Amino acid sequence: MALFLFLIIVAVVLGLIGAVTHGLFYLLIIGIVVLVLDFVYIVARGRRGRQTPLR
């Protein structure tokens, strides 16, 4: 969970830097990609945790 929160902070900071400095637009894109990957990871982890073995 700490890693997830750290990656959220990194994504937000990269997004802010990319938005403020127009020359570093690629940082905004990287921040958005990191944020989306974080949410995909959490959803996948949640689905895997709820599965029960078939008997």
N, C-alpha and C. Protein backbone atom coordinates (compact mmCIF):
# COMPACT_ATOMS: atom_id res chain seq x y z
N MET A 1 0.82 -1.19 0.00
CA MET A 1 0.00 0.00 0.00
C MET A 1 0.87 1.26 0.00
N ALA A 2 1.99 1.21 0.70
CA ALA A 2 2.89 2.36 0.73
C ALA A 2 3.46 2.63 -0.66
N LEU A 3 3.77 1.57 -1.39
CA LEU A 3 4.29 1.73 -2.75
C LEU A 3 3.25 2.39 -3.64
N PHE A 4 2.00 1.99 -3.50
CA PHE A 4 0.92 2.57 -4.28
C PHE A 4 0.80 4.07 -4.01
N LEU A 5 0.83 4.45 -2.74
CA LEU A 5 0.72 5.87 -2.39
C LEU A 5 1.93 6.66 -2.89
N PHE A 6 3.10 6.06 -2.82
CA PHE A 6 4.30 6.71 -3.33
C PHE A 6 4.18 6.96 -4.84
N LEU A 7 3.69 5.95 -5.56
CA LEU A 7 3.55 6.11 -7.01
C LEU A 7 2.48 7.14 -7.37
N ILE A 8 1.45 7.26 -6.55
CA ILE A 8 0.44 8.30 -6.76
C ILE A 8 1.07 9.67 -6.61
N ILE A 9 1.89 9.84 -5.57
CA ILE A 9 2.56 11.12 -5.34
C ILE A 9 3.50 11.44 -6.50
N VAL A 10 4.25 10.44 -6.96
CA VAL A 10 5.16 10.65 -8.08
C VAL A 10 4.39 11.06 -9.33
N ALA A 11 3.26 10.40 -9.59
CA ALA A 11 2.46 10.74 -10.77
C ALA A 11 1.93 12.16 -10.69
N VAL A 12 1.48 12.57 -9.51
CA VAL A 12 0.95 13.92 -9.35
C VAL A 12 2.06 14.96 -9.54
N VAL A 13 3.21 14.71 -8.93
CA VAL A 13 4.33 15.66 -9.05
C VAL A 13 4.79 15.77 -10.50
N LEU A 14 4.93 14.64 -11.18
CA LEU A 14 5.33 14.68 -12.60
C LEU A 14 4.28 15.42 -13.43
N GLY A 15 3.03 15.20 -13.13
CA GLY A 15 1.96 15.89 -13.85
C GLY A 15 1.99 17.39 -13.63
N LEU A 16 2.23 17.81 -12.38
CA LEU A 16 2.30 19.24 -12.09
C LEU A 16 3.50 19.89 -12.78
N ILE A 17 4.63 19.22 -12.72
CA ILE A 17 5.83 19.77 -13.39
C ILE A 17 5.59 19.86 -14.89
N GLY A 18 5.01 18.83 -15.45
CA GLY A 18 4.75 18.83 -16.89
C GLY A 18 3.73 19.87 -17.30
N ALA A 19 2.75 20.14 -16.44
CA ALA A 19 1.72 21.13 -16.77
C ALA A 19 2.26 22.55 -16.63
N VAL A 20 3.10 22.79 -15.64
CA VAL A 20 3.61 24.13 -15.40
C VAL A 20 4.65 24.52 -16.44
N THR A 21 5.58 23.63 -16.72
CA THR A 21 6.61 23.92 -17.71
C THR A 21 6.19 23.29 -19.03
N HIS A 22 5.83 24.13 -19.95
CA HIS A 22 5.28 23.64 -21.22
C HIS A 22 6.31 22.85 -22.04
N GLY A 23 7.56 23.05 -21.78
CA GLY A 23 8.59 22.32 -22.52
C GLY A 23 8.74 20.89 -22.05
N LEU A 24 8.22 20.58 -20.86
CA LEU A 24 8.34 19.23 -20.31
C LEU A 24 6.99 18.52 -20.35
N PHE A 25 6.31 18.62 -21.46
CA PHE A 25 4.98 18.01 -21.60
C PHE A 25 5.04 16.50 -21.45
N TYR A 26 6.18 15.89 -21.79
CA TYR A 26 6.29 14.44 -21.68
C TYR A 26 6.20 13.98 -20.22
N LEU A 27 6.56 14.84 -19.26
CA LEU A 27 6.41 14.47 -17.85
C LEU A 27 4.94 14.34 -17.47
N LEU A 28 4.11 15.18 -18.04
CA LEU A 28 2.68 15.07 -17.81
C LEU A 28 2.15 13.74 -18.33
N ILE A 29 2.60 13.35 -19.51
CA ILE A 29 2.17 12.08 -20.09
C ILE A 29 2.65 10.91 -19.22
N ILE A 30 3.91 10.97 -18.77
CA ILE A 30 4.44 9.90 -17.92
C ILE A 30 3.66 9.83 -16.61
N GLY A 31 3.33 10.96 -16.03
CA GLY A 31 2.55 10.99 -14.80
C GLY A 31 1.17 10.37 -14.97
N ILE A 32 0.52 10.66 -16.08
CA ILE A 32 -0.80 10.09 -16.35
C ILE A 32 -0.70 8.58 -16.54
N VAL A 33 0.33 8.12 -17.26
CA VAL A 33 0.51 6.68 -17.48
C VAL A 33 0.76 5.97 -16.15
N VAL A 34 1.60 6.54 -15.29
CA VAL A 34 1.88 5.93 -13.99
C VAL A 34 0.61 5.86 -13.15
N LEU A 35 -0.19 6.91 -13.17
CA LEU A 35 -1.44 6.93 -12.41
C LEU A 35 -2.41 5.85 -12.90
N VAL A 36 -2.55 5.72 -14.21
CA VAL A 36 -3.45 4.70 -14.77
C VAL A 36 -2.94 3.30 -14.43
N LEU A 37 -1.64 3.08 -14.54
CA LEU A 37 -1.09 1.76 -14.20
C LEU A 37 -1.29 1.43 -12.73
N ASP A 38 -1.22 2.43 -11.85
CA ASP A 38 -1.48 2.19 -10.44
C ASP A 38 -2.90 1.69 -10.21
N PHE A 39 -3.85 2.35 -10.85
CA PHE A 39 -5.23 1.93 -10.67
C PHE A 39 -5.50 0.55 -11.27
N VAL A 40 -4.89 0.26 -12.40
CA VAL A 40 -5.05 -1.07 -13.00
C VAL A 40 -4.47 -2.13 -12.07
N TYR A 41 -3.33 -1.84 -11.46
CA TYR A 41 -2.70 -2.78 -10.53
C TYR A 41 -3.59 -3.04 -9.32
N ILE A 42 -4.17 -1.98 -8.76
CA ILE A 42 -5.04 -2.15 -7.59
C ILE A 42 -6.29 -2.95 -7.94
N VAL A 43 -6.87 -2.70 -9.09
CA VAL A 43 -8.07 -3.45 -9.51
C VAL A 43 -7.71 -4.92 -9.73
N ALA A 44 -6.59 -5.19 -10.38
CA ALA A 44 -6.18 -6.57 -10.63
C ALA A 44 -5.86 -7.28 -9.32
N ARG A 45 -5.24 -6.59 -8.40
CA ARG A 45 -4.92 -7.18 -7.10
C ARG A 45 -6.18 -7.48 -6.30
N GLY A 46 -7.15 -6.61 -6.40
CA GLY A 46 -8.42 -6.82 -5.70
C GLY A 46 -9.20 -8.00 -6.26
N ARG A 47 -9.20 -8.16 -7.57
CA ARG A 47 -9.89 -9.29 -8.18
C ARG A 47 -9.21 -10.61 -7.83
N ARG A 48 -7.89 -10.62 -7.81
CA ARG A 48 -7.16 -11.84 -7.51
C ARG A 48 -7.39 -12.25 -6.05
N GLY A 49 -7.52 -11.28 -5.17
CA GLY A 49 -7.72 -11.58 -3.75
C GLY A 49 -9.10 -12.14 -3.43
N ARG A 50 -10.09 -11.83 -4.26
CA ARG A 50 -11.46 -12.30 -4.00
C ARG A 50 -11.75 -13.67 -4.57
N GLN A 51 -10.91 -14.18 -5.43
CA GLN A 51 -11.19 -15.48 -6.04
C GLN A 51 -11.03 -16.58 -5.01
N THR A 52 -11.95 -17.54 -5.06
CA THR A 52 -11.89 -18.69 -4.17
C THR A 52 -11.62 -19.92 -5.00
N PRO A 53 -10.87 -20.86 -4.48
CA PRO A 53 -10.59 -22.09 -5.25
C PRO A 53 -11.85 -22.93 -5.41
N LEU A 54 -11.96 -23.56 -6.57
CA LEU A 54 -13.10 -24.44 -6.82
C LEU A 54 -12.89 -25.79 -6.15
N ARG A 55 -13.96 -26.29 -5.55
CA ARG A 55 -13.86 -27.59 -4.87
C ARG A 55 -14.87 -28.55 -5.45
